[in-house]
Amino acid sequence: MERIKWLFLYAMFTLFYLVVIPEIIFRTLSEYAYMKLGEIVNPFQIFPSTVNALFIAIVVSSLLLAWLTVKLIKRVTKRGNATH
């Protein structure tokens, strides 16, 4: 049951970051700026389109942020339980 709870938390944070990160990027940056950002995340031209590379970078960064968030929550709750 504990594992399912952490998996659910991880999925919720991933979905949250998948919504928030593109919202921030596409609302605040100009088209030229996010095309430059796409070129930065695709330096070796692995993907034929810079937009595809930008979308993949957004997904990977949201997964990484969700993982880090869950790790931080586990560490804080473990510390909080140790003090009581």
PDB file of N, CA and C in Angstrom:
ATOM      1  N   MET A   1       0.826  -1.195   0.000  1.00  0.00           N
ATOM      2  CA  MET A   1       0.000   0.000   0.000  1.00  0.00           C
ATOM      3  C   MET A   1       0.867   1.254   0.000  1.00  0.00           C
ATOM      4  N   GLU A   2       1.961   1.200   0.748  1.00  0.00           N
ATOM      5  CA  GLU A   2       2.863   2.344   0.832  1.00  0.00           C
ATOM      6  C   GLU A   2       3.463   2.662  -0.543  1.00  0.00           C
ATOM      7  N   ARG A   3       3.822   1.622  -1.284  1.00  0.00           N
ATOM      8  CA  ARG A   3       4.419   1.812  -2.605  1.00  0.00           C
ATOM      9  C   ARG A   3       3.416   2.427  -3.588  1.00  0.00           C
ATOM     10  N   ILE A   4       2.180   2.022  -3.490  1.00  0.00           N
ATOM     11  CA  ILE A   4       1.145   2.560  -4.368  1.00  0.00           C
ATOM     12  C   ILE A   4       0.927   4.043  -4.075  1.00  0.00           C
ATOM     13  N   LYS A   5       1.006   4.399  -2.787  1.00  0.00           N
ATOM     14  CA  LYS A   5       0.842   5.806  -2.403  1.00  0.00           C
ATOM     15  C   LYS A   5       1.952   6.658  -3.013  1.00  0.00           C
ATOM     16  N   TRP A   6       3.202   6.191  -2.941  1.00  0.00           N
ATOM     17  CA  TRP A   6       4.322   6.953  -3.506  1.00  0.00           C
ATOM     18  C   TRP A   6       4.243   6.984  -5.033  1.00  0.00           C
ATOM     19  N   LEU A   7       3.794   5.893  -5.647  1.00  0.00           N
ATOM     20  CA  LEU A   7       3.639   5.872  -7.093  1.00  0.00           C
ATOM     21  C   LEU A   7       2.559   6.847  -7.541  1.00  0.00           C
ATOM     22  N   PHE A   8       1.465   6.907  -6.810  1.00  0.00           N
ATOM     23  CA  PHE A   8       0.401   7.863  -7.110  1.00  0.00           C
ATOM     24  C   PHE A   8       0.901   9.298  -6.955  1.00  0.00           C
ATOM     25  N   LEU A   9       1.663   9.545  -5.894  1.00  0.00           N
ATOM     26  CA  LEU A   9       2.224  10.873  -5.665  1.00  0.00           C
ATOM     27  C   LEU A   9       3.173  11.260  -6.796  1.00  0.00           C
ATOM     28  N   TYR A  10       3.998  10.317  -7.218  1.00  0.00           N
ATOM     29  CA  TYR A  10       4.926  10.555  -8.325  1.00  0.00           C
ATOM     30  C   TYR A  10       4.157  10.877  -9.608  1.00  0.00           C
ATOM     31  N   ALA A  11       3.099  10.135  -9.883  1.00  0.00           N
ATOM     32  CA  ALA A  11       2.297  10.379 -11.088  1.00  0.00           C
ATOM     33  C   ALA A  11       1.614  11.740 -11.040  1.00  0.00           C
ATOM     34  N   MET A  12       1.134  12.123  -9.866  1.00  0.00           N
ATOM     35  CA  MET A  12       0.467  13.417  -9.746  1.00  0.00           C
ATOM     36  C   MET A  12       1.447  14.574  -9.946  1.00  0.00           C
ATOM     37  N   PHE A  13       2.643  14.460  -9.370  1.00  0.00           N
ATOM     38  CA  PHE A  13       3.639  15.505  -9.566  1.00  0.00           C
ATOM     39  C   PHE A  13       4.102  15.562 -11.020  1.00  0.00           C
ATOM     40  N   THR A  14       4.221  14.403 -11.665  1.00  0.00           N
ATOM     41  CA  THR A  14       4.617  14.387 -13.078  1.00  0.00           C
ATOM     42  C   THR A  14       3.573  15.099 -13.927  1.00  0.00           C
ATOM     43  N   LEU A  15       2.312  14.791 -13.706  1.00  0.00           N
ATOM     44  CA  LEU A  15       1.252  15.466 -14.462  1.00  0.00           C
ATOM     45  C   LEU A  15       1.231  16.964 -14.174  1.00  0.00           C
ATOM     46  N   PHE A  16       1.441  17.330 -12.918  1.00  0.00           N
ATOM     47  CA  PHE A  16       1.471  18.745 -12.562  1.00  0.00           C
ATOM     48  C   PHE A  16       2.596  19.455 -13.300  1.00  0.00           C
ATOM     49  N   TYR A  17       3.787  18.876 -13.277  1.00  0.00           N
ATOM     50  CA  TYR A  17       4.919  19.501 -13.963  1.00  0.00           C
ATOM     51  C   TYR A  17       4.740  19.485 -15.480  1.00  0.00           C
ATOM     52  N   LEU A  18       4.077  18.460 -16.018  1.00  0.00           N
ATOM     53  CA  LEU A  18       3.821  18.424 -17.460  1.00  0.00           C
ATOM     54  C   LEU A  18       2.864  19.534 -17.893  1.00  0.00           C
ATOM     55  N   VAL A  19       2.034  19.996 -16.992  1.00  0.00           N
ATOM     56  CA  VAL A  19       1.126  21.096 -17.307  1.00  0.00           C
ATOM     57  C   VAL A  19       1.796  22.443 -17.057  1.00  0.00           C
ATOM     58  N   VAL A  20       2.513  22.561 -15.954  1.00  0.00           N
ATOM     59  CA  VAL A  20       3.052  23.855 -15.537  1.00  0.00           C
ATOM     60  C   VAL A  20       4.256  24.286 -16.381  1.00  0.00           C
ATOM     61  N   ILE A  21       5.195  23.396 -16.626  1.00  0.00           N
ATOM     62  CA  ILE A  21       6.411  23.779 -17.350  1.00  0.00           C
ATOM     63  C   ILE A  21       6.112  24.300 -18.761  1.00  0.00           C
ATOM     64  N   PRO A  22       5.317  23.583 -19.581  1.00  0.00           N
ATOM     65  CA  PRO A  22       5.011  24.151 -20.904  1.00  0.00           C
ATOM     66  C   PRO A  22       4.219  25.455 -20.821  1.00  0.00           C
ATOM     67  N   GLU A  23       3.361  25.557 -19.815  1.00  0.00           N
ATOM     68  CA  GLU A  23       2.586  26.788 -19.650  1.00  0.00           C
ATOM     69  C   GLU A  23       3.516  27.973 -19.412  1.00  0.00           C
ATOM     70  N   ILE A  24       4.510  27.778 -18.566  1.00  0.00           N
ATOM     71  CA  ILE A  24       5.468  28.848 -18.290  1.00  0.00           C
ATOM     72  C   ILE A  24       6.289  29.163 -19.535  1.00  0.00           C
ATOM     73  N   ILE A  25       6.771  28.120 -20.202  1.00  0.00           N
ATOM     74  CA  ILE A  25       7.635  28.329 -21.367  1.00  0.00           C
ATOM     75  C   ILE A  25       6.879  29.014 -22.500  1.00  0.00           C
ATOM     76  N   PHE A  26       5.717  28.513 -22.845  1.00  0.00           N
ATOM     77  CA  PHE A  26       5.035  29.032 -24.028  1.00  0.00           C
ATOM     78  C   PHE A  26       4.271  30.331 -23.778  1.00  0.00           C
ATOM     79  N   ARG A  27       3.978  30.650 -22.539  1.00  0.00           N
ATOM     80  CA  ARG A  27       3.310  31.930 -22.273  1.00  0.00           C
ATOM     81  C   ARG A  27       4.285  33.080 -22.109  1.00  0.00           C
ATOM     82  N   THR A  28       5.447  32.788 -21.528  1.00  0.00           N
ATOM     83  CA  THR A  28       6.363  33.882 -21.227  1.00  0.00           C
ATOM     84  C   THR A  28       7.392  34.136 -22.313  1.00  0.00           C
ATOM     85  N   LEU A  29       7.767  33.115 -23.064  1.00  0.00           N
ATOM     86  CA  LEU A  29       8.804  33.287 -24.081  1.00  0.00           C
ATOM     87  C   LEU A  29       8.196  33.602 -25.436  1.00  0.00           C
ATOM     88  N   SER A  30       8.952  34.325 -26.225  1.00  0.00           N
ATOM     89  CA  SER A  30       8.515  34.576 -27.598  1.00  0.00           C
ATOM     90  C   SER A  30       8.806  33.339 -28.448  1.00  0.00           C
ATOM     91  N   GLU A  31       8.279  33.325 -29.655  1.00  0.00           N
ATOM     92  CA  GLU A  31       8.503  32.181 -30.543  1.00  0.00           C
ATOM     93  C   GLU A  31       9.988  32.018 -30.856  1.00  0.00           C
ATOM     94  N   TYR A  32      10.662  33.122 -31.067  1.00  0.00           N
ATOM     95  CA  TYR A  32      12.097  33.066 -31.333  1.00  0.00           C
ATOM     96  C   TYR A  32      12.858  32.482 -30.134  1.00  0.00           C
ATOM     97  N   ALA A  33      12.443  32.854 -28.930  1.00  0.00           N
ATOM     98  CA  ALA A  33      13.134  32.376 -27.728  1.00  0.00           C
ATOM     99  C   ALA A  33      12.948  30.885 -27.518  1.00  0.00           C
ATOM    100  N   TYR A  34      11.732  30.367 -27.720  1.00  0.00           N
ATOM    101  CA  TYR A  34      11.610  28.927 -27.509  1.00  0.00           C
ATOM    102  C   TYR A  34      12.164  28.116 -28.661  1.00  0.00           C
ATOM    103  N   MET A  35      12.308  28.690 -29.838  1.00  0.00           N
ATOM    104  CA  MET A  35      13.031  27.989 -30.904  1.00  0.00           C
ATOM    105  C   MET A  35      14.522  27.938 -30.577  1.00  0.00           C
ATOM    106  N   LYS A  36      15.064  29.009 -29.994  1.00  0.00           N
ATOM    107  CA  LYS A  36      16.455  28.994 -29.538  1.00  0.00           C
ATOM    108  C   LYS A  36      16.635  27.971 -28.418  1.00  0.00           C
ATOM    109  N   LEU A  37      15.676  27.909 -27.505  1.00  0.00           N
ATOM    110  CA  LEU A  37      15.727  26.926 -26.439  1.00  0.00           C
ATOM    111  C   LEU A  37      15.687  25.508 -27.006  1.00  0.00           C
ATOM    112  N   GLY A  38      14.901  25.299 -28.040  1.00  0.00           N
ATOM    113  CA  GLY A  38      14.860  24.008 -28.723  1.00  0.00           C
ATOM    114  C   GLY A  38      16.194  23.664 -29.371  1.00  0.00           C
ATOM    115  N   GLU A  39      16.879  24.659 -29.894  1.00  0.00           N
ATOM    116  CA  GLU A  39      18.206  24.419 -30.473  1.00  0.00           C
ATOM    117  C   GLU A  39      19.221  24.091 -29.386  1.00  0.00           C
ATOM    118  N   ILE A  40      19.058  24.684 -28.213  1.00  0.00           N
ATOM    119  CA  ILE A  40      19.985  24.410 -27.110  1.00  0.00           C
ATOM    120  C   ILE A  40      19.825  22.968 -26.621  1.00  0.00           C
ATOM    121  N   VAL A  41      18.591  22.488 -26.514  1.00  0.00           N
ATOM    122  CA  VAL A  41      18.386  21.125 -26.020  1.00  0.00           C
ATOM    123  C   VAL A  41      18.615  20.077 -27.109  1.00  0.00           C
ATOM    124  N   ASN A  42      18.825  20.491 -28.327  1.00  0.00           N
ATOM    125  CA  ASN A  42      19.091  19.576 -29.438  1.00  0.00           C
ATOM    126  C   ASN A  42      20.401  19.976 -30.130  1.00  0.00           C
ATOM    127  N   PRO A  43      21.542  19.926 -29.422  1.00  0.00           N
ATOM    128  CA  PRO A  43      22.777  20.458 -29.998  1.00  0.00           C
ATOM    129  C   PRO A  43      23.346  19.615 -31.134  1.00  0.00           C
ATOM    130  N   PHE A  44      23.107  18.319 -31.128  1.00  0.00           N
ATOM    131  CA  PHE A  44      23.683  17.447 -32.161  1.00  0.00           C
ATOM    132  C   PHE A  44      22.692  17.099 -33.256  1.00  0.00           C
ATOM    133  N   GLN A  45      21.555  17.787 -33.268  1.00  0.00           N
ATOM    134  CA  GLN A  45      20.504  17.591 -34.268  1.00  0.00           C
ATOM    135  C   GLN A  45      20.050  16.124 -34.331  1.00  0.00           C
ATOM    136  N   ILE A  46      19.858  15.535 -33.160  1.00  0.00           N
ATOM    137  CA  ILE A  46      19.384  14.154 -33.079  1.00  0.00           C
ATOM    138  C   ILE A  46      17.947  14.067 -33.589  1.00  0.00           C
ATOM    139  N   PHE A  47      17.150  15.054 -33.228  1.00  0.00           N
ATOM    140  CA  PHE A  47      15.771  15.105 -33.693  1.00  0.00           C
ATOM    141  C   PHE A  47      15.681  16.060 -34.872  1.00  0.00           C
ATOM    142  N   PRO A  48      14.847  15.750 -35.858  1.00  0.00           N
ATOM    143  CA  PRO A  48      14.789  16.615 -37.042  1.00  0.00           C
ATOM    144  C   PRO A  48      14.179  17.991 -36.774  1.00  0.00           C
ATOM    145  N   SER A  49      13.394  18.113 -35.715  1.00  0.00           N
ATOM    146  CA  SER A  49      12.723  19.369 -35.420  1.00  0.00           C
ATOM    147  C   SER A  49      13.127  19.852 -34.027  1.00  0.00           C
ATOM    148  N   THR A  50      13.359  21.149 -33.911  1.00  0.00           N
ATOM    149  CA  THR A  50      13.694  21.692 -32.594  1.00  0.00           C
ATOM    150  C   THR A  50      12.485  21.675 -31.661  1.00  0.00           C
ATOM    151  N   VAL A  51      11.282  21.727 -32.219  1.00  0.00           N
ATOM    152  CA  VAL A  51      10.079  21.670 -31.388  1.00  0.00           C
ATOM    153  C   VAL A  51       9.955  20.281 -30.753  1.00  0.00           C
ATOM    154  N   ASN A  52      10.248  19.223 -31.520  1.00  0.00           N
ATOM    155  CA  ASN A  52      10.224  17.873 -30.958  1.00  0.00           C
ATOM    156  C   ASN A  52      11.230  17.738 -29.832  1.00  0.00           C
ATOM    157  N   ALA A  53      12.416  18.272 -30.031  1.00  0.00           N
ATOM    158  CA  ALA A  53      13.445  18.218 -28.996  1.00  0.00           C
ATOM    159  C   ALA A  53      13.006  18.990 -27.756  1.00  0.00           C
ATOM    160  N   LEU A  54      12.344  20.114 -27.946  1.00  0.00           N
ATOM    161  CA  LEU A  54      11.867  20.906 -26.816  1.00  0.00           C
ATOM    162  C   LEU A  54      10.789  20.150 -26.047  1.00  0.00           C
ATOM    163  N   PHE A  55       9.874  19.494 -26.745  1.00  0.00           N
ATOM    164  CA  PHE A  55       8.837  18.720 -26.068  1.00  0.00           C
ATOM    165  C   PHE A  55       9.431  17.558 -25.281  1.00  0.00           C
ATOM    166  N   ILE A  56      10.411  16.883 -25.856  1.00  0.00           N
ATOM    167  CA  ILE A  56      11.048  15.771 -25.156  1.00  0.00           C
ATOM    168  C   ILE A  56      11.807  16.284 -23.937  1.00  0.00           C
ATOM    169  N   ALA A  57      12.461  17.416 -24.056  1.00  0.00           N
ATOM    170  CA  ALA A  57      13.167  18.005 -22.910  1.00  0.00           C
ATOM    171  C   ALA A  57      12.187  18.399 -21.813  1.00  0.00           C
ATOM    172  N   ILE A  58      11.019  18.892 -22.178  1.00  0.00           N
ATOM    173  CA  ILE A  58      10.001  19.250 -21.184  1.00  0.00           C
ATOM    174  C   ILE A  58       9.520  18.000 -20.448  1.00  0.00           C
ATOM    175  N   VAL A  59       9.278  16.916 -21.173  1.00  0.00           N
ATOM    176  CA  VAL A  59       8.817  15.676 -20.546  1.00  0.00           C
ATOM    177  C   VAL A  59       9.890  15.113 -19.620  1.00  0.00           C
ATOM    178  N   VAL A  60      11.136  15.084 -20.079  1.00  0.00           N
ATOM    179  CA  VAL A  60      12.223  14.556 -19.248  1.00  0.00           C
ATOM    180  C   VAL A  60      12.436  15.432 -18.013  1.00  0.00           C
ATOM    181  N   SER A  61      12.374  16.739 -18.184  1.00  0.00           N
ATOM    182  CA  SER A  61      12.562  17.619 -17.029  1.00  0.00           C
ATOM    183  C   SER A  61      11.414  17.483 -16.036  1.00  0.00           C
ATOM    184  N   SER A  62      10.194  17.283 -16.507  1.00  0.00           N
ATOM    185  CA  SER A  62       9.076  17.106 -15.571  1.00  0.00           C
ATOM    186  C   SER A  62       9.189  15.779 -14.829  1.00  0.00           C
ATOM    187  N   LEU A  63       9.657  14.730 -15.500  1.00  0.00           N
ATOM    188  CA  LEU A  63       9.887  13.458 -14.813  1.00  0.00           C
ATOM    189  C   LEU A  63      10.978  13.602 -13.755  1.00  0.00           C
ATOM    190  N   LEU A  64      12.044  14.295 -14.094  1.00  0.00           N
ATOM    191  CA  LEU A  64      13.137  14.500 -13.158  1.00  0.00           C
ATOM    192  C   LEU A  64      12.686  15.340 -11.960  1.00  0.00           C
ATOM    193  N   LEU A  65      11.956  16.402 -12.214  1.00  0.00           N
ATOM    194  CA  LEU A  65      11.456  17.242 -11.119  1.00  0.00           C
ATOM    195  C   LEU A  65      10.485  16.486 -10.214  1.00  0.00           C
ATOM    196  N   ALA A  66       9.640  15.647 -10.806  1.00  0.00           N
ATOM    197  CA  ALA A  66       8.710  14.856 -10.000  1.00  0.00           C
ATOM    198  C   ALA A  66       9.468  13.863  -9.134  1.00  0.00           C
ATOM    199  N   TRP A  67      10.492  13.230  -9.684  1.00  0.00           N
ATOM    200  CA  TRP A  67      11.300  12.288  -8.917  1.00  0.00           C
ATOM    201  C   TRP A  67      11.998  12.999  -7.758  1.00  0.00           C
ATOM    202  N   LEU A  68      12.578  14.172  -8.043  1.00  0.00           N
ATOM    203  CA  LEU A  68      13.251  14.935  -6.993  1.00  0.00           C
ATOM    204  C   LEU A  68      12.268  15.406  -5.916  1.00  0.00           C
ATOM    205  N   THR A  69      11.075  15.790  -6.319  1.00  0.00           N
ATOM    206  CA  THR A  69      10.066  16.234  -5.367  1.00  0.00           C
ATOM    207  C   THR A  69       9.652  15.097  -4.440  1.00  0.00           C
ATOM    208  N   VAL A  70       9.433  13.915  -5.003  1.00  0.00           N
ATOM    209  CA  VAL A  70       9.045  12.762  -4.184  1.00  0.00           C
ATOM    210  C   VAL A  70      10.186  12.379  -3.239  1.00  0.00           C
ATOM    211  N   LYS A  71      11.428  12.420  -3.719  1.00  0.00           N
ATOM    212  CA  LYS A  71      12.576  12.129  -2.852  1.00  0.00           C
ATOM    213  C   LYS A  71      12.646  13.128  -1.704  1.00  0.00           C
ATOM    214  N   LEU A  72      12.416  14.397  -1.993  1.00  0.00           N
ATOM    215  CA  LEU A  72      12.443  15.426  -0.958  1.00  0.00           C
ATOM    216  C   LEU A  72      11.316  15.214   0.058  1.00  0.00           C
ATOM    217  N   ILE A  73      10.145  14.875  -0.419  1.00  0.00           N
ATOM    218  CA  ILE A  73       9.016  14.624   0.486  1.00  0.00           C
ATOM    219  C   ILE A  73       9.317  13.420   1.377  1.00  0.00           C
ATOM    220  N   LYS A  74       9.896  12.367   0.804  1.00  0.00           N
ATOM    221  CA  LYS A  74      10.254  11.192   1.610  1.00  0.00           C
ATOM    222  C   LYS A  74      11.278  11.559   2.681  1.00  0.00           C
ATOM    223  N   ARG A  75      12.263  12.366   2.310  1.00  0.00           N
ATOM    224  CA  ARG A  75      13.294  12.747   3.269  1.00  0.00           C
ATOM    225  C   ARG A  75      12.711  13.613   4.387  1.00  0.00           C
ATOM    226  N   VAL A  76      11.833  14.553   4.024  1.00  0.00           N
ATOM    227  CA  VAL A  76      11.238  15.432   5.035  1.00  0.00           C
ATOM    228  C   VAL A  76      10.312  14.642   5.957  1.00  0.00           C
ATOM    229  N   THR A  77       9.512  13.747   5.413  1.00  0.00           N
ATOM    230  CA  THR A  77       8.605  12.971   6.267  1.00  0.00           C
ATOM    231  C   THR A  77       9.373  11.988   7.135  1.00  0.00           C
ATOM    232  N   LYS A  78      10.462  11.444   6.634  1.00  0.00           N
ATOM    233  CA  LYS A  78      11.276  10.545   7.446  1.00  0.00           C
ATOM    234  C   LYS A  78      11.913  11.306   8.605  1.00  0.00           C
ATOM    235  N   ARG A  79      12.389  12.513   8.333  1.00  0.00           N
ATOM    236  CA  ARG A  79      12.966  13.356   9.378  1.00  0.00           C
ATOM    237  C   ARG A  79      11.913  13.792  10.390  1.00  0.00           C
ATOM    238  N   GLY A  80      10.734  14.104   9.883  1.00  0.00           N
ATOM    239  CA  GLY A  80       9.651  14.519  10.779  1.00  0.00           C
ATOM    240  C   GLY A  80       9.193  13.393  11.677  1.00  0.00           C
ATOM    241  N   ASN A  81       9.188  12.158  11.173  1.00  0.00           N
ATOM    242  CA  ASN A  81       8.780  11.016  11.989  1.00  0.00           C
ATOM    243  C   ASN A  81       9.861  10.680  13.023  1.00  0.00           C
ATOM    244  N   ALA A  82      11.109  10.957  12.731  1.00  0.00           N
ATOM    245  CA  ALA A  82      12.191  10.629  13.643  1.00  0.00           C
ATOM    246  C   ALA A  82      12.202  11.555  14.857  1.00  0.00           C
ATOM    247  N   THR A  83      11.715  12.765  14.699  1.00  0.00           N
ATOM    248  CA  THR A  83      11.737  13.723  15.806  1.00  0.00           C
ATOM    249  C   THR A  83      10.600  13.492  16.790  1.00  0.00           C
ATOM    250  N   HIS A  84       9.526  12.832  16.363  1.00  0.00           N
ATOM    251  CA  HIS A  84       8.375  12.621  17.258  1.00  0.00           C
ATOM    252  C   HIS A  84       8.480  11.345  17.985  1.00  0.00           C
TER     253      HIS A  84
END
